[in-house]
Every structure is written in C-alpha cells, then in structure tokens.
Amino acid sequence: MTHPPSPRHQRQHLPRRRTGLTTTVTIGGERFALTANGRQDGTLGEVFIQWGKQGQTQTGLMDLYAVTLSVGLQRGVPLLDLVRQGMDLYFVPNGHTDDPEIPRVRSVVDWVARRLAIDWLPYETRAAEGILTIQERETAATDWLTAETAGVPALSSAISW
C-alpha cells in the first residue's frame, strides 16, 4: 500500500533556467568543482560535484552525494541540516586547500559542507555553527581581543618597578 507524499515532502521543481556558482578547489592534489544552483527565491536548489573521470568510484560517490543533497533540498530539508551531516567527516583527500576562505579540511565532503554554508547561509546561522571564513575568524578574534583589553589597565601602569 503506497501513501501519497505529504505536501511537506513534495518536490519543489527548479526553473528551467537558473543561476548558480561554480567553485573549484584543490584538496590533497585532487581537483574538484562544485556547482550550486539557486531557486528563484535565492535559496539553494541543487548541487553538482565533479571529481575525476566518468566511471571511477570516487566520481560515482561524489555524484551520489550531490544527488542526495539536491533531492533533500528539493524535498524541503533545510540546508543547515544537510551541511551538519558533512561537517568534519574525515577521509582522503584532506588537508590544505587552495580555497582562501577554507584553507584546511578533513575531506572533500567537509569542504563541500563548509563551502555551501558560506555561500548560501546567513552569517548569524553559520557563526552559531562555527562555520566561518578565515577573515571572519580574524575579525571575531580581533573583536574579542579589543573587548578583553578594554577592561584591562595599561601594562605600564599595572607594573610597579
């Protein structure tokens, strides 16, 4: 007996023509391309990930991951819920990237999750999850240091010789 899908889980079709971002990155010597297409309302609607040659295992797994993300998004799963699942997953390739906003990752899935969050989620949401660019981390550290030193007397007056 099949049940009709609830309205919450019905697929939200994307327009025939859509805007998106393609970002390339090198992680551990491997090159990846992430394409993220938006809906008319500006939210993320689908994801494509390219890695390696057609027919290779890693290519198939990345395709499957991208399809899973896209189906989830089109069925109404919040991007933050999808991003959380990929954060900090550890496998090779990992380590240094050539993405200036995300210089180190634990895996390509970790990078995809962080890249999608940075590109598609508001700062406040990302900050609550600890997903910040290097620049945002530096700004937060400077703000914290400024606030801390504002309450501390000057070093020269605090030391009695």
C-alpha atoms as a PDB file:
ATOM      1  CA  MET A   1       0.000   0.000   0.000  1.00  0.00           C
ATOM      2  CA  THR A   2       1.573   3.273  -1.076  1.00  0.00           C
ATOM      3  CA  HIS A   3       0.790   6.548   0.562  1.00  0.00           C
ATOM      4  CA  PRO A   4       0.772   9.824  -1.320  1.00  0.00           C
ATOM      5  CA  PRO A   5       3.660  12.086  -0.321  1.00  0.00           C
ATOM      6  CA  SER A   6       2.833  14.719   2.245  1.00  0.00           C
ATOM      7  CA  PRO A   7       2.878  18.296   0.932  1.00  0.00           C
ATOM      8  CA  ARG A   8       5.973  18.930   3.042  1.00  0.00           C
ATOM      9  CA  HIS A   9       7.894  16.274   1.107  1.00  0.00           C
ATOM     10  CA  GLN A  10       6.715  17.078  -2.395  1.00  0.00           C
ATOM     11  CA  ARG A  11       9.462  18.028  -4.776  1.00  0.00           C
ATOM     12  CA  GLN A  12       9.970  21.715  -5.424  1.00  0.00           C
ATOM     13  CA  HIS A  13      10.845  21.940  -9.110  1.00  0.00           C
ATOM     14  CA  LEU A  14      13.543  24.345 -10.184  1.00  0.00           C
ATOM     15  CA  PRO A  15      13.046  26.786 -13.043  1.00  0.00           C
ATOM     16  CA  ARG A  16      14.277  25.772 -16.488  1.00  0.00           C
ATOM     17  CA  ARG A  17      16.931  28.491 -16.382  1.00  0.00           C
ATOM     18  CA  ARG A  18      18.673  29.134 -13.061  1.00  0.00           C
ATOM     19  CA  THR A  19      21.615  30.989 -11.609  1.00  0.00           C
ATOM     20  CA  GLY A  20      24.422  29.351  -9.742  1.00  0.00           C
ATOM     21  CA  LEU A  21      28.000  29.379  -8.578  1.00  0.00           C
ATOM     22  CA  THR A  22      30.777  27.065  -9.678  1.00  0.00           C
ATOM     23  CA  THR A  23      33.766  26.923  -7.359  1.00  0.00           C
ATOM     24  CA  THR A  24      36.877  24.863  -7.998  1.00  0.00           C
ATOM     25  CA  VAL A  25      39.263  23.691  -5.315  1.00  0.00           C
ATOM     26  CA  THR A  26      42.329  21.510  -4.980  1.00  0.00           C
ATOM     27  CA  ILE A  27      42.466  19.283  -1.905  1.00  0.00           C
ATOM     28  CA  GLY A  28      45.448  16.997  -1.401  1.00  0.00           C
ATOM     29  CA  GLY A  29      46.411  17.338  -5.070  1.00  0.00           C
ATOM     30  CA  GLU A  30      42.917  16.403  -6.304  1.00  0.00           C
ATOM     31  CA  ARG A  31      40.806  18.911  -8.258  1.00  0.00           C
ATOM     32  CA  PHE A  32      37.079  19.323  -7.540  1.00  0.00           C
ATOM     33  CA  ALA A  33      34.355  21.534  -8.993  1.00  0.00           C
ATOM     34  CA  LEU A  34      31.226  22.355  -7.007  1.00  0.00           C
ATOM     35  CA  THR A  35      28.262  23.865  -8.839  1.00  0.00           C
ATOM     36  CA  ALA A  36      25.404  25.142  -6.701  1.00  0.00           C
ATOM     37  CA  ASN A  37      22.268  26.405  -8.431  1.00  0.00           C
ATOM     38  CA  GLY A  38      19.677  28.580  -6.777  1.00  0.00           C
ATOM     39  CA  ARG A  39      15.919  28.806  -6.868  1.00  0.00           C
ATOM     40  CA  GLN A  40      14.058  31.922  -7.905  1.00  0.00           C
ATOM     41  CA  ASP A  41      13.753  32.924  -4.230  1.00  0.00           C
ATOM     42  CA  GLY A  42      17.558  32.900  -3.847  1.00  0.00           C
ATOM     43  CA  THR A  43      17.806  29.697  -1.812  1.00  0.00           C
ATOM     44  CA  LEU A  44      19.924  26.709  -2.827  1.00  0.00           C
ATOM     45  CA  GLY A  45      18.108  24.220  -5.054  1.00  0.00           C
ATOM     46  CA  GLU A  46      20.619  21.725  -6.452  1.00  0.00           C
ATOM     47  CA  VAL A  47      24.264  20.701  -6.264  1.00  0.00           C
ATOM     48  CA  PHE A  48      26.709  19.093  -8.704  1.00  0.00           C
ATOM     49  CA  ILE A  49      30.204  17.883  -7.786  1.00  0.00           C
ATOM     50  CA  GLN A  50      32.808  16.900 -10.358  1.00  0.00           C
ATOM     51  CA  TRP A  51      35.847  14.820  -9.456  1.00  0.00           C
ATOM     52  CA  GLY A  52      37.884  12.511 -11.613  1.00  0.00           C
ATOM     53  CA  LYS A  53      36.866  10.670 -14.741  1.00  0.00           C
ATOM     54  CA  GLN A  54      33.471   9.180 -15.504  1.00  0.00           C
ATOM     55  CA  GLY A  55      33.298   5.571 -14.329  1.00  0.00           C
ATOM     56  CA  GLN A  56      35.702   5.939 -11.414  1.00  0.00           C
ATOM     57  CA  THR A  57      34.475   5.005  -7.956  1.00  0.00           C
ATOM     58  CA  GLN A  58      35.125   8.414  -6.420  1.00  0.00           C
ATOM     59  CA  THR A  59      33.279  10.114  -9.287  1.00  0.00           C
ATOM     60  CA  GLY A  60      30.244   7.925  -8.709  1.00  0.00           C
ATOM     61  CA  LEU A  61      30.284   8.537  -4.968  1.00  0.00           C
ATOM     62  CA  MET A  62      30.520  12.314  -5.434  1.00  0.00           C
ATOM     63  CA  ASP A  63      27.656  12.184  -7.961  1.00  0.00           C
ATOM     64  CA  LEU A  64      25.580  10.215  -5.455  1.00  0.00           C
ATOM     65  CA  TYR A  65      26.386  12.689  -2.672  1.00  0.00           C
ATOM     66  CA  ALA A  66      25.415  15.644  -4.888  1.00  0.00           C
ATOM     67  CA  VAL A  67      22.145  13.962  -5.923  1.00  0.00           C
ATOM     68  CA  THR A  68      21.355  13.231  -2.279  1.00  0.00           C
ATOM     69  CA  LEU A  69      21.941  16.866  -1.338  1.00  0.00           C
ATOM     70  CA  SER A  70      19.813  18.041  -4.275  1.00  0.00           C
ATOM     71  CA  VAL A  71      16.923  15.694  -3.532  1.00  0.00           C
ATOM     72  CA  GLY A  72      16.982  16.736   0.112  1.00  0.00           C
ATOM     73  CA  LEU A  73      16.911  20.416  -0.828  1.00  0.00           C
ATOM     74  CA  GLN A  74      14.119  19.895  -3.352  1.00  0.00           C
ATOM     75  CA  ARG A  75      12.092  17.994  -0.741  1.00  0.00           C
ATOM     76  CA  GLY A  76      12.387  20.811   1.785  1.00  0.00           C
ATOM     77  CA  VAL A  77      15.233  19.632   4.010  1.00  0.00           C
ATOM     78  CA  PRO A  78      16.902  22.763   5.429  1.00  0.00           C
ATOM     79  CA  LEU A  79      20.407  23.368   4.090  1.00  0.00           C
ATOM     80  CA  LEU A  80      21.763  23.635   7.627  1.00  0.00           C
ATOM     81  CA  ASP A  81      20.598  20.075   8.379  1.00  0.00           C
ATOM     82  CA  LEU A  82      22.374  18.798   5.263  1.00  0.00           C
ATOM     83  CA  VAL A  83      25.530  20.793   5.991  1.00  0.00           C
ATOM     84  CA  ARG A  84      25.770  19.469   9.554  1.00  0.00           C
ATOM     85  CA  GLN A  85      25.951  15.899   8.235  1.00  0.00           C
ATOM     86  CA  GLY A  86      29.054  16.631   6.161  1.00  0.00           C
ATOM     87  CA  MET A  87      30.957  18.736   8.663  1.00  0.00           C
ATOM     88  CA  ASP A  88      34.244  17.285   9.892  1.00  0.00           C
ATOM     89  CA  LEU A  89      33.900  13.944   8.075  1.00  0.00           C
ATOM     90  CA  TYR A  90      37.445  12.624   7.778  1.00  0.00           C
ATOM     91  CA  PHE A  91      38.858  10.774   4.760  1.00  0.00           C
ATOM     92  CA  VAL A  92      41.360  11.361   1.954  1.00  0.00           C
ATOM     93  CA  PRO A  93      41.952  13.582   0.178  1.00  0.00           C
ATOM     94  CA  ASN A  94      42.155  16.071   3.027  1.00  0.00           C
ATOM     95  CA  GLY A  95      44.415  18.781   4.405  1.00  0.00           C
ATOM     96  CA  HIS A  96      45.407  22.019   2.686  1.00  0.00           C
ATOM     97  CA  THR A  97      43.205  23.549   0.001  1.00  0.00           C
ATOM     98  CA  ASP A  98      43.671  26.426  -2.413  1.00  0.00           C
ATOM     99  CA  ASP A  99      40.378  27.950  -1.231  1.00  0.00           C
ATOM    100  CA  PRO A 100      41.415  31.156   0.581  1.00  0.00           C
ATOM    101  CA  GLU A 101      38.282  31.107   2.755  1.00  0.00           C
ATOM    102  CA  ILE A 102      38.652  27.449   3.776  1.00  0.00           C
ATOM    103  CA  PRO A 103      42.390  26.657   3.844  1.00  0.00           C
ATOM    104  CA  ARG A 104      42.182  23.236   5.590  1.00  0.00           C
ATOM    105  CA  VAL A 105      39.564  20.490   5.510  1.00  0.00           C
ATOM    106  CA  ARG A 106      39.147  16.978   6.795  1.00  0.00           C
ATOM    107  CA  SER A 107      37.687  15.705   3.465  1.00  0.00           C
ATOM    108  CA  VAL A 108      36.042  16.870   0.268  1.00  0.00           C
ATOM    109  CA  VAL A 109      32.641  16.410   1.944  1.00  0.00           C
ATOM    110  CA  ASP A 110      33.817  18.679   4.776  1.00  0.00           C
ATOM    111  CA  TRP A 111      34.831  21.302   2.172  1.00  0.00           C
ATOM    112  CA  VAL A 112      31.509  20.982   0.285  1.00  0.00           C
ATOM    113  CA  ALA A 113      29.542  21.420   3.525  1.00  0.00           C
ATOM    114  CA  ARG A 114      31.572  24.483   4.530  1.00  0.00           C
ATOM    115  CA  ARG A 115      31.520  25.996   1.021  1.00  0.00           C
ATOM    116  CA  LEU A 116      27.734  25.593   0.715  1.00  0.00           C
ATOM    117  CA  ALA A 117      27.226  27.094   4.168  1.00  0.00           C
ATOM    118  CA  ILE A 118      29.459  30.090   3.421  1.00  0.00           C
ATOM    119  CA  ASP A 119      27.823  30.728   0.048  1.00  0.00           C
ATOM    120  CA  TRP A 120      24.169  30.065   0.951  1.00  0.00           C
ATOM    121  CA  LEU A 121      23.562  30.525   4.697  1.00  0.00           C
ATOM    122  CA  PRO A 122      23.396  33.831   6.583  1.00  0.00           C
ATOM    123  CA  TYR A 123      26.364  34.798   8.740  1.00  0.00           C
ATOM    124  CA  GLU A 124      24.424  34.504  12.014  1.00  0.00           C
ATOM    125  CA  THR A 125      23.424  30.910  11.228  1.00  0.00           C
ATOM    126  CA  ARG A 126      26.973  29.966  10.255  1.00  0.00           C
ATOM    127  CA  ALA A 127      28.502  31.692  13.265  1.00  0.00           C
ATOM    128  CA  ALA A 128      26.205  29.748  15.609  1.00  0.00           C
ATOM    129  CA  GLU A 129      27.514  26.538  13.989  1.00  0.00           C
ATOM    130  CA  GLY A 130      31.169  27.667  13.990  1.00  0.00           C
ATOM    131  CA  ILE A 131      31.336  27.808  10.183  1.00  0.00           C
ATOM    132  CA  LEU A 132      33.379  30.926   9.483  1.00  0.00           C
ATOM    133  CA  THR A 133      35.839  32.027   6.819  1.00  0.00           C
ATOM    134  CA  ILE A 134      39.405  32.850   7.824  1.00  0.00           C
ATOM    135  CA  GLN A 135      38.606  36.575   7.529  1.00  0.00           C
ATOM    136  CA  GLU A 136      35.526  36.191   9.746  1.00  0.00           C
ATOM    137  CA  ARG A 137      37.588  34.278  12.332  1.00  0.00           C
ATOM    138  CA  GLU A 138      40.253  37.020  12.323  1.00  0.00           C
ATOM    139  CA  THR A 139      37.595  39.709  12.760  1.00  0.00           C
ATOM    140  CA  ALA A 140      35.968  37.783  15.631  1.00  0.00           C
ATOM    141  CA  ALA A 141      39.365  37.299  17.314  1.00  0.00           C
ATOM    142  CA  THR A 142      40.214  40.998  16.929  1.00  0.00           C
ATOM    143  CA  ASP A 143      36.826  41.995  18.329  1.00  0.00           C
ATOM    144  CA  TRP A 144      37.303  39.645  21.277  1.00  0.00           C
ATOM    145  CA  LEU A 145      40.828  40.897  21.931  1.00  0.00           C
ATOM    146  CA  THR A 146      39.681  44.527  21.755  1.00  0.00           C
ATOM    147  CA  ALA A 147      36.864  43.817  24.226  1.00  0.00           C
ATOM    148  CA  GLU A 148      39.242  41.962  26.577  1.00  0.00           C
ATOM    149  CA  THR A 149      41.895  44.670  26.554  1.00  0.00           C
ATOM    150  CA  ALA A 150      39.317  47.430  27.053  1.00  0.00           C
ATOM    151  CA  GLY A 151      38.760  46.182  30.580  1.00  0.00           C
ATOM    152  CA  VAL A 152      42.450  45.684  31.453  1.00  0.00           C
ATOM    153  CA  PRO A 153      44.570  48.591  32.738  1.00  0.00           C
ATOM    154  CA  ALA A 154      47.521  49.558  30.602  1.00  0.00           C
ATOM    155  CA  LEU A 155      50.500  47.274  31.130  1.00  0.00           C
ATOM    156  CA  SER A 156      52.883  50.075  32.119  1.00  0.00           C
ATOM    157  CA  SER A 157      50.585  51.280  34.905  1.00  0.00           C
ATOM    158  CA  ALA A 158      49.918  47.749  36.131  1.00  0.00           C
ATOM    159  CA  ILE A 159      53.589  47.030  36.731  1.00  0.00           C
ATOM    160  CA  SER A 160      55.273  48.718  39.658  1.00  0.00           C
ATOM    161  CA  TRP A 161      59.013  48.923  39.392  1.00  0.00           C
END
